[in-house]
Amino acid sequence: MIELSHQQTMTQYSLITLITAALQPIRQKLDAIEVQDSFVAHTLCKLIPSRCPFERQIQLFNRTILYIPPLCKLNPFYEQLVCLRFRALVYLADQCGEDVTVYC
């Protein structure tokens, strides 16, 4: 087992804090996007998948031999993109009166 010194642990913590702080302005910009156009809403719903496209089950003779878990949560903007897609769906349903089940 590898043991880290206090200095190494603090350096890793500082690096994570630095990366998080560097990504924060992008997160804020994504959160600030307001969907006010049906074309933009449709485009967002088409571009942002409703579920993780990387999750897979590899089967052989109806038996799962390999399972690849969803990797989307590794994306630092995952939550913001999911919320943006949701705002687009709400806009289409509430403001445009469209059926959004095609995007689900």
PDB file of N, CA and C in Angstrom:
ATOM      1  N   MET A   1       0.842  -1.176   0.000  1.00  0.00           N
ATOM      2  CA  MET A   1       0.000   0.000   0.000  1.00  0.00           C
ATOM      3  C   MET A   1       0.890   1.244   0.000  1.00  0.00           C
ATOM      4  N   ILE A   2       0.549   2.196  -0.836  1.00  0.00           N
ATOM      5  CA  ILE A   2       1.327   3.425  -0.936  1.00  0.00           C
ATOM      6  C   ILE A   2       0.798   4.421   0.082  1.00  0.00           C
ATOM      7  N   GLU A   3       1.708   4.932   0.884  1.00  0.00           N
ATOM      8  CA  GLU A   3       1.315   5.940   1.860  1.00  0.00           C
ATOM      9  C   GLU A   3       1.820   7.298   1.389  1.00  0.00           C
ATOM     10  N   LEU A   4       0.948   8.272   1.451  1.00  0.00           N
ATOM     11  CA  LEU A   4       1.303   9.618   1.041  1.00  0.00           C
ATOM     12  C   LEU A   4       1.624  10.459   2.261  1.00  0.00           C
ATOM     13  N   SER A   5       2.628  11.278   2.103  1.00  0.00           N
ATOM     14  CA  SER A   5       2.960  12.190   3.189  1.00  0.00           C
ATOM     15  C   SER A   5       1.920  13.305   3.237  1.00  0.00           C
ATOM     16  N   HIS A   6       1.930  14.030   4.313  1.00  0.00           N
ATOM     17  CA  HIS A   6       0.995  15.145   4.466  1.00  0.00           C
ATOM     18  C   HIS A   6       1.208  16.159   3.342  1.00  0.00           C
ATOM     19  N   GLN A   7       2.448  16.417   2.979  1.00  0.00           N
ATOM     20  CA  GLN A   7       2.770  17.378   1.921  1.00  0.00           C
ATOM     21  C   GLN A   7       2.216  16.909   0.574  1.00  0.00           C
ATOM     22  N   GLN A   8       2.357  15.610   0.267  1.00  0.00           N
ATOM     23  CA  GLN A   8       1.836  15.076  -0.991  1.00  0.00           C
ATOM     24  C   GLN A   8       0.313  15.158  -1.022  1.00  0.00           C
ATOM     25  N   THR A   9      -0.313  14.856   0.087  1.00  0.00           N
ATOM     26  CA  THR A   9      -1.767  14.923   0.165  1.00  0.00           C
ATOM     27  C   THR A   9      -2.243  16.354  -0.043  1.00  0.00           C
ATOM     28  N   MET A  10      -1.582  17.313   0.576  1.00  0.00           N
ATOM     29  CA  MET A  10      -1.960  18.716   0.430  1.00  0.00           C
ATOM     30  C   MET A  10      -1.723  19.197  -0.998  1.00  0.00           C
ATOM     31  N   THR A  11      -0.657  18.727  -1.645  1.00  0.00           N
ATOM     32  CA  THR A  11      -0.380  19.108  -3.025  1.00  0.00           C
ATOM     33  C   THR A  11      -1.471  18.576  -3.943  1.00  0.00           C
ATOM     34  N   GLN A  12      -1.887  17.331  -3.745  1.00  0.00           N
ATOM     35  CA  GLN A  12      -2.961  16.759  -4.552  1.00  0.00           C
ATOM     36  C   GLN A  12      -4.267  17.506  -4.308  1.00  0.00           C
ATOM     37  N   TYR A  13      -4.541  17.824  -3.058  1.00  0.00           N
ATOM     38  CA  TYR A  13      -5.751  18.575  -2.727  1.00  0.00           C
ATOM     39  C   TYR A  13      -5.718  19.945  -3.392  1.00  0.00           C
ATOM     40  N   SER A  14      -4.568  20.600  -3.371  1.00  0.00           N
ATOM     41  CA  SER A  14      -4.430  21.918  -3.985  1.00  0.00           C
ATOM     42  C   SER A  14      -4.632  21.842  -5.494  1.00  0.00           C
ATOM     43  N   LEU A  15      -4.139  20.788  -6.122  1.00  0.00           N
ATOM     44  CA  LEU A  15      -4.299  20.615  -7.560  1.00  0.00           C
ATOM     45  C   LEU A  15      -5.771  20.421  -7.918  1.00  0.00           C
ATOM     46  N   ILE A  16      -6.468  19.615  -7.148  1.00  0.00           N
ATOM     47  CA  ILE A  16      -7.897  19.400  -7.390  1.00  0.00           C
ATOM     48  C   ILE A  16      -8.664  20.703  -7.200  1.00  0.00           C
ATOM     49  N   THR A  17      -8.335  21.451  -6.171  1.00  0.00           N
ATOM     50  CA  THR A  17      -8.984  22.736  -5.922  1.00  0.00           C
ATOM     51  C   THR A  17      -8.714  23.704  -7.067  1.00  0.00           C
ATOM     52  N   LEU A  18      -7.501  23.710  -7.581  1.00  0.00           N
ATOM     53  CA  LEU A  18      -7.129  24.587  -8.689  1.00  0.00           C
ATOM     54  C   LEU A  18      -7.906  24.226  -9.954  1.00  0.00           C
ATOM     55  N   ILE A  19      -8.000  22.943 -10.252  1.00  0.00           N
ATOM     56  CA  ILE A  19      -8.742  22.498 -11.435  1.00  0.00           C
ATOM     57  C   ILE A  19     -10.220  22.849 -11.298  1.00  0.00           C
ATOM     58  N   THR A  20     -10.776  22.602 -10.127  1.00  0.00           N
ATOM     59  CA  THR A  20     -12.186  22.925  -9.882  1.00  0.00           C
ATOM     60  C   THR A  20     -12.432  24.417 -10.058  1.00  0.00           C
ATOM     61  N   ALA A  21     -11.548  25.236  -9.544  1.00  0.00           N
ATOM     62  CA  ALA A  21     -11.691  26.689  -9.668  1.00  0.00           C
ATOM     63  C   ALA A  21     -11.555  27.133 -11.123  1.00  0.00           C
ATOM     64  N   ALA A  22     -10.680  26.477 -11.880  1.00  0.00           N
ATOM     65  CA  ALA A  22     -10.487  26.836 -13.281  1.00  0.00           C
ATOM     66  C   ALA A  22     -11.717  26.493 -14.128  1.00  0.00           C
ATOM     67  N   LEU A  23     -12.432  25.444 -13.767  1.00  0.00           N
ATOM     68  CA  LEU A  23     -13.612  25.023 -14.526  1.00  0.00           C
ATOM     69  C   LEU A  23     -14.884  25.759 -14.113  1.00  0.00           C
ATOM     70  N   GLN A  24     -14.862  26.411 -12.980  1.00  0.00           N
ATOM     71  CA  GLN A  24     -16.059  27.069 -12.450  1.00  0.00           C
ATOM     72  C   GLN A  24     -16.659  28.111 -13.392  1.00  0.00           C
ATOM     73  N   PRO A  25     -15.873  28.971 -14.053  1.00  0.00           N
ATOM     74  CA  PRO A  25     -16.495  29.951 -14.963  1.00  0.00           C
ATOM     75  C   PRO A  25     -17.266  29.296 -16.112  1.00  0.00           C
ATOM     76  N   ILE A  26     -16.767  28.179 -16.612  1.00  0.00           N
ATOM     77  CA  ILE A  26     -17.471  27.476 -17.690  1.00  0.00           C
ATOM     78  C   ILE A  26     -18.774  26.898 -17.159  1.00  0.00           C
ATOM     79  N   ARG A  27     -18.731  26.337 -15.957  1.00  0.00           N
ATOM     80  CA  ARG A  27     -19.956  25.808 -15.345  1.00  0.00           C
ATOM     81  C   ARG A  27     -20.999  26.917 -15.179  1.00  0.00           C
ATOM     82  N   GLN A  28     -20.547  28.076 -14.732  1.00  0.00           N
ATOM     83  CA  GLN A  28     -21.466  29.197 -14.522  1.00  0.00           C
ATOM     84  C   GLN A  28     -22.077  29.663 -15.842  1.00  0.00           C
ATOM     85  N   LYS A  29     -21.276  29.679 -16.909  1.00  0.00           N
ATOM     86  CA  LYS A  29     -21.798  30.084 -18.218  1.00  0.00           C
ATOM     87  C   LYS A  29     -22.833  29.083 -18.724  1.00  0.00           C
ATOM     88  N   LEU A  30     -22.568  27.794 -18.523  1.00  0.00           N
ATOM     89  CA  LEU A  30     -23.541  26.777 -18.932  1.00  0.00           C
ATOM     90  C   LEU A  30     -24.831  26.897 -18.125  1.00  0.00           C
ATOM     91  N   ASP A  31     -24.704  27.169 -16.836  1.00  0.00           N
ATOM     92  CA  ASP A  31     -25.887  27.329 -15.983  1.00  0.00           C
ATOM     93  C   ASP A  31     -26.685  28.585 -16.331  1.00  0.00           C
ATOM     94  N   ALA A  32     -26.015  29.586 -16.891  1.00  0.00           N
ATOM     95  CA  ALA A  32     -26.672  30.861 -17.188  1.00  0.00           C
ATOM     96  C   ALA A  32     -27.394  30.863 -18.539  1.00  0.00           C
ATOM     97  N   ILE A  33     -27.187  29.843 -19.350  1.00  0.00           N
ATOM     98  CA  ILE A  33     -27.838  29.802 -20.666  1.00  0.00           C
ATOM     99  C   ILE A  33     -29.341  29.651 -20.481  1.00  0.00           C
ATOM    100  N   GLU A  34     -30.076  30.583 -21.079  1.00  0.00           N
ATOM    101  CA  GLU A  34     -31.534  30.527 -21.049  1.00  0.00           C
ATOM    102  C   GLU A  34     -32.020  30.112 -22.431  1.00  0.00           C
ATOM    103  N   VAL A  35     -32.862  29.119 -22.468  1.00  0.00           N
ATOM    104  CA  VAL A  35     -33.400  28.637 -23.737  1.00  0.00           C
ATOM    105  C   VAL A  35     -34.637  29.462 -24.061  1.00  0.00           C
ATOM    106  N   GLN A  36     -34.559  30.225 -25.165  1.00  0.00           N
ATOM    107  CA  GLN A  36     -35.670  31.099 -25.544  1.00  0.00           C
ATOM    108  C   GLN A  36     -36.024  30.969 -27.019  1.00  0.00           C
ATOM    109  N   ASP A  37     -35.552  29.902 -27.657  1.00  0.00           N
ATOM    110  CA  ASP A  37     -35.797  29.702 -29.077  1.00  0.00           C
ATOM    111  C   ASP A  37     -36.013  28.217 -29.323  1.00  0.00           C
ATOM    112  N   SER A  38     -37.035  27.886 -30.094  1.00  0.00           N
ATOM    113  CA  SER A  38     -37.345  26.469 -30.302  1.00  0.00           C
ATOM    114  C   SER A  38     -36.256  25.760 -31.104  1.00  0.00           C
ATOM    115  N   PHE A  39     -35.621  26.460 -32.053  1.00  0.00           N
ATOM    116  CA  PHE A  39     -34.545  25.834 -32.823  1.00  0.00           C
ATOM    117  C   PHE A  39     -33.378  25.465 -31.909  1.00  0.00           C
ATOM    118  N   VAL A  40     -33.014  26.380 -31.028  1.00  0.00           N
ATOM    119  CA  VAL A  40     -31.930  26.119 -30.071  1.00  0.00           C
ATOM    120  C   VAL A  40     -32.318  24.976 -29.142  1.00  0.00           C
ATOM    121  N   ALA A  41     -33.552  24.972 -28.682  1.00  0.00           N
ATOM    122  CA  ALA A  41     -34.021  23.912 -27.782  1.00  0.00           C
ATOM    123  C   ALA A  41     -33.967  22.550 -28.468  1.00  0.00           C
ATOM    124  N   HIS A  42     -34.441  22.484 -29.708  1.00  0.00           N
ATOM    125  CA  HIS A  42     -34.384  21.221 -30.453  1.00  0.00           C
ATOM    126  C   HIS A  42     -32.939  20.771 -30.663  1.00  0.00           C
ATOM    127  N   THR A  43     -32.081  21.711 -30.997  1.00  0.00           N
ATOM    128  CA  THR A  43     -30.671  21.384 -31.223  1.00  0.00           C
ATOM    129  C   THR A  43     -30.023  20.849 -29.952  1.00  0.00           C
ATOM    130  N   LEU A  44     -30.282  21.495 -28.818  1.00  0.00           N
ATOM    131  CA  LEU A  44     -29.717  21.030 -27.549  1.00  0.00           C
ATOM    132  C   LEU A  44     -30.215  19.630 -27.207  1.00  0.00           C
ATOM    133  N   CYS A  45     -31.496  19.382 -27.427  1.00  0.00           N
ATOM    134  CA  CYS A  45     -32.059  18.064 -27.110  1.00  0.00           C
ATOM    135  C   CYS A  45     -31.477  16.975 -27.999  1.00  0.00           C
ATOM    136  N   LYS A  46     -31.114  17.336 -29.230  1.00  0.00           N
ATOM    137  CA  LYS A  46     -30.504  16.359 -30.135  1.00  0.00           C
ATOM    138  C   LYS A  46     -29.029  16.135 -29.812  1.00  0.00           C
ATOM    139  N   LEU A  47     -28.336  17.188 -29.408  1.00  0.00           N
ATOM    140  CA  LEU A  47     -26.892  17.088 -29.160  1.00  0.00           C
ATOM    141  C   LEU A  47     -26.550  16.457 -27.813  1.00  0.00           C
ATOM    142  N   ILE A  48     -27.343  16.740 -26.797  1.00  0.00           N
ATOM    143  CA  ILE A  48     -27.060  16.233 -25.450  1.00  0.00           C
ATOM    144  C   ILE A  48     -27.883  14.963 -25.244  1.00  0.00           C
ATOM    145  N   PRO A  49     -27.229  13.820 -25.097  1.00  0.00           N
ATOM    146  CA  PRO A  49     -27.975  12.560 -24.971  1.00  0.00           C
ATOM    147  C   PRO A  49     -28.755  12.480 -23.657  1.00  0.00           C
ATOM    148  N   SER A  50     -29.857  11.726 -23.698  1.00  0.00           N
ATOM    149  CA  SER A  50     -30.689  11.580 -22.500  1.00  0.00           C
ATOM    150  C   SER A  50     -30.080  10.608 -21.500  1.00  0.00           C
ATOM    151  N   ARG A  51     -29.206   9.759 -21.961  1.00  0.00           N
ATOM    152  CA  ARG A  51     -28.492   8.849 -21.055  1.00  0.00           C
ATOM    153  C   ARG A  51     -27.086   8.654 -21.590  1.00  0.00           C
ATOM    154  N   CYS A  52     -26.250   8.101 -20.787  1.00  0.00           N
ATOM    155  CA  CYS A  52     -24.837   7.980 -21.128  1.00  0.00           C
ATOM    156  C   CYS A  52     -24.642   7.063 -22.341  1.00  0.00           C
ATOM    157  N   PRO A  53     -24.033   7.571 -23.411  1.00  0.00           N
ATOM    158  CA  PRO A  53     -23.837   6.744 -24.600  1.00  0.00           C
ATOM    159  C   PRO A  53     -22.707   5.724 -24.455  1.00  0.00           C
ATOM    160  N   PHE A  54     -21.940   5.803 -23.392  1.00  0.00           N
ATOM    161  CA  PHE A  54     -20.801   4.904 -23.227  1.00  0.00           C
ATOM    162  C   PHE A  54     -21.154   3.624 -22.479  1.00  0.00           C
ATOM    163  N   GLU A  55     -22.290   3.625 -21.805  1.00  0.00           N
ATOM    164  CA  GLU A  55     -22.685   2.447 -21.037  1.00  0.00           C
ATOM    165  C   GLU A  55     -23.045   1.325 -22.007  1.00  0.00           C
ATOM    166  N   ARG A  56     -22.443   0.164 -21.799  1.00  0.00           N
ATOM    167  CA  ARG A  56     -22.668  -0.967 -22.698  1.00  0.00           C
ATOM    168  C   ARG A  56     -22.713  -2.268 -21.923  1.00  0.00           C
ATOM    169  N   GLN A  57     -23.477  -3.205 -22.473  1.00  0.00           N
ATOM    170  CA  GLN A  57     -23.462  -4.581 -22.000  1.00  0.00           C
ATOM    171  C   GLN A  57     -23.073  -5.439 -23.198  1.00  0.00           C
ATOM    172  N   ILE A  58     -21.964  -6.122 -23.089  1.00  0.00           N
ATOM    173  CA  ILE A  58     -21.514  -7.016 -24.153  1.00  0.00           C
ATOM    174  C   ILE A  58     -22.052  -8.400 -23.818  1.00  0.00           C
ATOM    175  N   GLN A  59     -22.852  -8.940 -24.734  1.00  0.00           N
ATOM    176  CA  GLN A  59     -23.482 -10.229 -24.467  1.00  0.00           C
ATOM    177  C   GLN A  59     -23.034 -11.271 -25.488  1.00  0.00           C
ATOM    178  N   LEU A  60     -22.977 -12.490 -25.023  1.00  0.00           N
ATOM    179  CA  LEU A  60     -22.662 -13.637 -25.866  1.00  0.00           C
ATOM    180  C   LEU A  60     -23.615 -14.749 -25.465  1.00  0.00           C
ATOM    181  N   PHE A  61     -24.410 -15.206 -26.408  1.00  0.00           N
ATOM    182  CA  PHE A  61     -25.416 -16.232 -26.147  1.00  0.00           C
ATOM    183  C   PHE A  61     -26.347 -15.816 -24.998  1.00  0.00           C
ATOM    184  N   ASN A  62     -26.835 -14.595 -25.059  1.00  0.00           N
ATOM    185  CA  ASN A  62     -27.769 -14.040 -24.063  1.00  0.00           C
ATOM    186  C   ASN A  62     -27.201 -13.973 -22.650  1.00  0.00           C
ATOM    187  N   ARG A  63     -25.909 -13.998 -22.511  1.00  0.00           N
ATOM    188  CA  ARG A  63     -25.264 -13.844 -21.203  1.00  0.00           C
ATOM    189  C   ARG A  63     -24.336 -12.639 -21.270  1.00  0.00           C
ATOM    190  N   THR A  64     -24.435 -11.804 -20.259  1.00  0.00           N
ATOM    191  CA  THR A  64     -23.568 -10.632 -20.210  1.00  0.00           C
ATOM    192  C   THR A  64     -22.163 -11.075 -19.836  1.00  0.00           C
ATOM    193  N   ILE A  65     -21.216 -10.803 -20.735  1.00  0.00           N
ATOM    194  CA  ILE A  65     -19.826 -11.184 -20.452  1.00  0.00           C
ATOM    195  C   ILE A  65     -18.982  -9.975 -20.047  1.00  0.00           C
ATOM    196  N   LEU A  66     -19.468  -8.778 -20.386  1.00  0.00           N
ATOM    197  CA  LEU A  66     -18.731  -7.570 -20.025  1.00  0.00           C
ATOM    198  C   LEU A  66     -19.724  -6.425 -19.869  1.00  0.00           C
ATOM    199  N   TYR A  67     -19.572  -5.694 -18.793  1.00  0.00           N
ATOM    200  CA  TYR A  67     -20.417  -4.532 -18.547  1.00  0.00           C
ATOM    201  C   TYR A  67     -19.522  -3.310 -18.416  1.00  0.00           C
ATOM    202  N   ILE A  68     -19.777  -2.311 -19.245  1.00  0.00           N
ATOM    203  CA  ILE A  68     -19.040  -1.049 -19.173  1.00  0.00           C
ATOM    204  C   ILE A  68     -19.964  -0.036 -18.502  1.00  0.00           C
ATOM    205  N   PRO A  69     -19.606   0.435 -17.312  1.00  0.00           N
ATOM    206  CA  PRO A  69     -20.492   1.357 -16.580  1.00  0.00           C
ATOM    207  C   PRO A  69     -20.547   2.727 -17.258  1.00  0.00           C
ATOM    208  N   PRO A  70     -21.556   3.522 -16.936  1.00  0.00           N
ATOM    209  CA  PRO A  70     -21.638   4.866 -17.510  1.00  0.00           C
ATOM    210  C   PRO A  70     -20.445   5.708 -17.065  1.00  0.00           C
ATOM    211  N   LEU A  71     -19.841   6.367 -18.026  1.00  0.00           N
ATOM    212  CA  LEU A  71     -18.653   7.174 -17.741  1.00  0.00           C
ATOM    213  C   LEU A  71     -18.952   8.671 -17.766  1.00  0.00           C
ATOM    214  N   CYS A  72     -20.190   9.031 -17.997  1.00  0.00           N
ATOM    215  CA  CYS A  72     -20.540  10.445 -18.137  1.00  0.00           C
ATOM    216  C   CYS A  72     -20.246  11.261 -16.882  1.00  0.00           C
ATOM    217  N   LYS A  73     -20.367  10.645 -15.740  1.00  0.00           N
ATOM    218  CA  LYS A  73     -20.144  11.404 -14.500  1.00  0.00           C
ATOM    219  C   LYS A  73     -18.686  11.831 -14.347  1.00  0.00           C
ATOM    220  N   LEU A  74     -17.802  11.283 -15.179  1.00  0.00           N
ATOM    221  CA  LEU A  74     -16.415  11.736 -15.170  1.00  0.00           C
ATOM    222  C   LEU A  74     -16.267  13.077 -15.882  1.00  0.00           C
ATOM    223  N   ASN A  75     -17.258  13.439 -16.682  1.00  0.00           N
ATOM    224  CA  ASN A  75     -17.258  14.716 -17.382  1.00  0.00           C
ATOM    225  C   ASN A  75     -17.475  15.828 -16.355  1.00  0.00           C
ATOM    226  N   PRO A  76     -16.569  16.803 -16.277  1.00  0.00           N
ATOM    227  CA  PRO A  76     -16.719  17.853 -15.256  1.00  0.00           C
ATOM    228  C   PRO A  76     -17.933  18.757 -15.483  1.00  0.00           C
ATOM    229  N   PHE A  77     -18.540  18.696 -16.677  1.00  0.00           N
ATOM    230  CA  PHE A  77     -19.702  19.530 -16.977  1.00  0.00           C
ATOM    231  C   PHE A  77     -20.980  18.704 -17.104  1.00  0.00           C
ATOM    232  N   TYR A  78     -20.952  17.473 -16.637  1.00  0.00           N
ATOM    233  CA  TYR A  78     -22.091  16.567 -16.785  1.00  0.00           C
ATOM    234  C   TYR A  78     -23.374  17.161 -16.208  1.00  0.00           C
ATOM    235  N   GLU A  79     -23.317  17.621 -14.988  1.00  0.00           N
ATOM    236  CA  GLU A  79     -24.515  18.150 -14.325  1.00  0.00           C
ATOM    237  C   GLU A  79     -25.062  19.374 -15.057  1.00  0.00           C
ATOM    238  N   GLN A  80     -24.186  20.260 -15.506  1.00  0.00           N
ATOM    239  CA  GLN A  80     -24.624  21.464 -16.203  1.00  0.00           C
ATOM    240  C   GLN A  80     -25.266  21.115 -17.547  1.00  0.00           C
ATOM    241  N   LEU A  81     -24.703  20.136 -18.257  1.00  0.00           N
ATOM    242  CA  LEU A  81     -25.265  19.746 -19.550  1.00  0.00           C
ATOM    243  C   LEU A  81     -26.624  19.072 -19.391  1.00  0.00           C
ATOM    244  N   VAL A  82     -26.755  18.227 -18.376  1.00  0.00           N
ATOM    245  CA  VAL A  82     -28.044  17.579 -18.122  1.00  0.00           C
ATOM    246  C   VAL A  82     -29.096  18.633 -17.770  1.00  0.00           C
ATOM    247  N   CYS A  83     -28.732  19.608 -16.963  1.00  0.00           N
ATOM    248  CA  CYS A  83     -29.670  20.684 -16.603  1.00  0.00           C
ATOM    249  C   CYS A  83     -30.026  21.536 -17.822  1.00  0.00           C
ATOM    250  N   LEU A  84     -29.059  21.794 -18.685  1.00  0.00           N
ATOM    251  CA  LEU A  84     -29.315  22.566 -19.900  1.00  0.00           C
ATOM    252  C   LEU A  84     -30.288  21.816 -20.811  1.00  0.00           C
ATOM    253  N   ARG A  85     -30.102  20.524 -20.950  1.00  0.00           N
ATOM    254  CA  ARG A  85     -31.019  19.710 -21.757  1.00  0.00           C
ATOM    255  C   ARG A  85     -32.419  19.739 -21.138  1.00  0.00           C
ATOM    256  N   PHE A  86     -32.481  19.650 -19.822  1.00  0.00           N
ATOM    257  CA  PHE A  86     -33.776  19.697 -19.139  1.00  0.00           C
ATOM    258  C   PHE A  86     -34.469  21.040 -19.375  1.00  0.00           C
ATOM    259  N   ARG A  87     -33.716  22.136 -19.302  1.00  0.00           N
ATOM    260  CA  ARG A  87     -34.308  23.458 -19.554  1.00  0.00           C
ATOM    261  C   ARG A  87     -34.846  23.548 -20.984  1.00  0.00           C
ATOM    262  N   ALA A  88     -34.130  22.941 -21.929  1.00  0.00           N
ATOM    263  CA  ALA A  88     -34.594  22.929 -23.320  1.00  0.00           C
ATOM    264  C   ALA A  88     -35.888  22.124 -23.449  1.00  0.00           C
ATOM    265  N   LEU A  89     -35.954  20.979 -22.779  1.00  0.00           N
ATOM    266  CA  LEU A  89     -37.170  20.161 -22.811  1.00  0.00           C
ATOM    267  C   LEU A  89     -38.356  20.903 -22.185  1.00  0.00           C
ATOM    268  N   VAL A  90     -38.111  21.561 -21.074  1.00  0.00           N
ATOM    269  CA  VAL A  90     -39.175  22.323 -20.405  1.00  0.00           C
ATOM    270  C   VAL A  90     -39.658  23.459 -21.306  1.00  0.00           C
ATOM    271  N   TYR A  91     -38.741  24.131 -21.976  1.00  0.00           N
ATOM    272  CA  TYR A  91     -39.121  25.212 -22.892  1.00  0.00           C
ATOM    273  C   TYR A  91     -40.014  24.672 -24.010  1.00  0.00           C
ATOM    274  N   LEU A  92     -39.601  23.553 -24.604  1.00  0.00           N
ATOM    275  CA  LEU A  92     -40.388  22.982 -25.698  1.00  0.00           C
ATOM    276  C   LEU A  92     -41.775  22.553 -25.224  1.00  0.00           C
ATOM    277  N   ALA A  93     -41.843  21.977 -24.038  1.00  0.00           N
ATOM    278  CA  ALA A  93     -43.130  21.499 -23.526  1.00  0.00           C
ATOM    279  C   ALA A  93     -44.023  22.649 -23.064  1.00  0.00           C
ATOM    280  N   ASP A  94     -43.473  23.577 -22.296  1.00  0.00           N
ATOM    281  CA  ASP A  94     -44.286  24.640 -21.691  1.00  0.00           C
ATOM    282  C   ASP A  94     -44.557  25.810 -22.639  1.00  0.00           C
ATOM    283  N   GLN A  95     -43.527  26.302 -23.294  1.00  0.00           N
ATOM    284  CA  GLN A  95     -43.673  27.494 -24.133  1.00  0.00           C
ATOM    285  C   GLN A  95     -44.165  27.170 -25.541  1.00  0.00           C
ATOM    286  N   CYS A  96     -43.685  26.052 -26.094  1.00  0.00           N
ATOM    287  CA  CYS A  96     -44.042  25.706 -27.474  1.00  0.00           C
ATOM    288  C   CYS A  96     -45.179  24.697 -27.547  1.00  0.00           C
ATOM    289  N   GLY A  97     -45.506  24.071 -26.428  1.00  0.00           N
ATOM    290  CA  GLY A  97     -46.585  23.095 -26.401  1.00  0.00           C
ATOM    291  C   GLY A  97     -46.291  21.834 -27.191  1.00  0.00           C
ATOM    292  N   GLU A  98     -45.028  21.494 -27.328  1.00  0.00           N
ATOM    293  CA  GLU A  98     -44.641  20.326 -28.119  1.00  0.00           C
ATOM    294  C   GLU A  98     -44.574  19.072 -27.259  1.00  0.00           C
ATOM    295  N   ASP A  99     -44.718  17.943 -27.920  1.00  0.00           N
ATOM    296  CA  ASP A  99     -44.570  16.646 -27.265  1.00  0.00           C
ATOM    297  C   ASP A  99     -43.078  16.318 -27.234  1.00  0.00           C
ATOM    298  N   VAL A 100     -42.510  16.231 -26.050  1.00  0.00           N
ATOM    299  CA  VAL A 100     -41.064  16.015 -25.927  1.00  0.00           C
ATOM    300  C   VAL A 100     -40.697  14.551 -25.700  1.00  0.00           C
ATOM    301  N   THR A 101     -41.677  13.665 -25.791  1.00  0.00           N
ATOM    302  CA  THR A 101     -41.374  12.243 -25.557  1.00  0.00           C
ATOM    303  C   THR A 101     -40.423  11.682 -26.610  1.00  0.00           C
ATOM    304  N   VAL A 102     -40.312  12.330 -27.767  1.00  0.00           N
ATOM    305  CA  VAL A 102     -39.369  11.854 -28.790  1.00  0.00           C
ATOM    306  C   VAL A 102     -37.924  12.019 -28.332  1.00  0.00           C
ATOM    307  N   TYR A 103     -37.687  12.882 -27.353  1.00  0.00           N
ATOM    308  CA  TYR A 103     -36.338  13.116 -26.841  1.00  0.00           C
ATOM    309  C   TYR A 103     -36.034  12.321 -25.581  1.00  0.00           C
ATOM    310  N   CYS A 104     -36.975  11.514 -25.127  1.00  0.00           N
ATOM    311  CA  CYS A 104     -36.770  10.753 -23.894  1.00  0.00           C
ATOM    312  C   CYS A 104     -36.350   9.326 -24.181  1.00  0.00           C
TER     313      CYS A 104
END
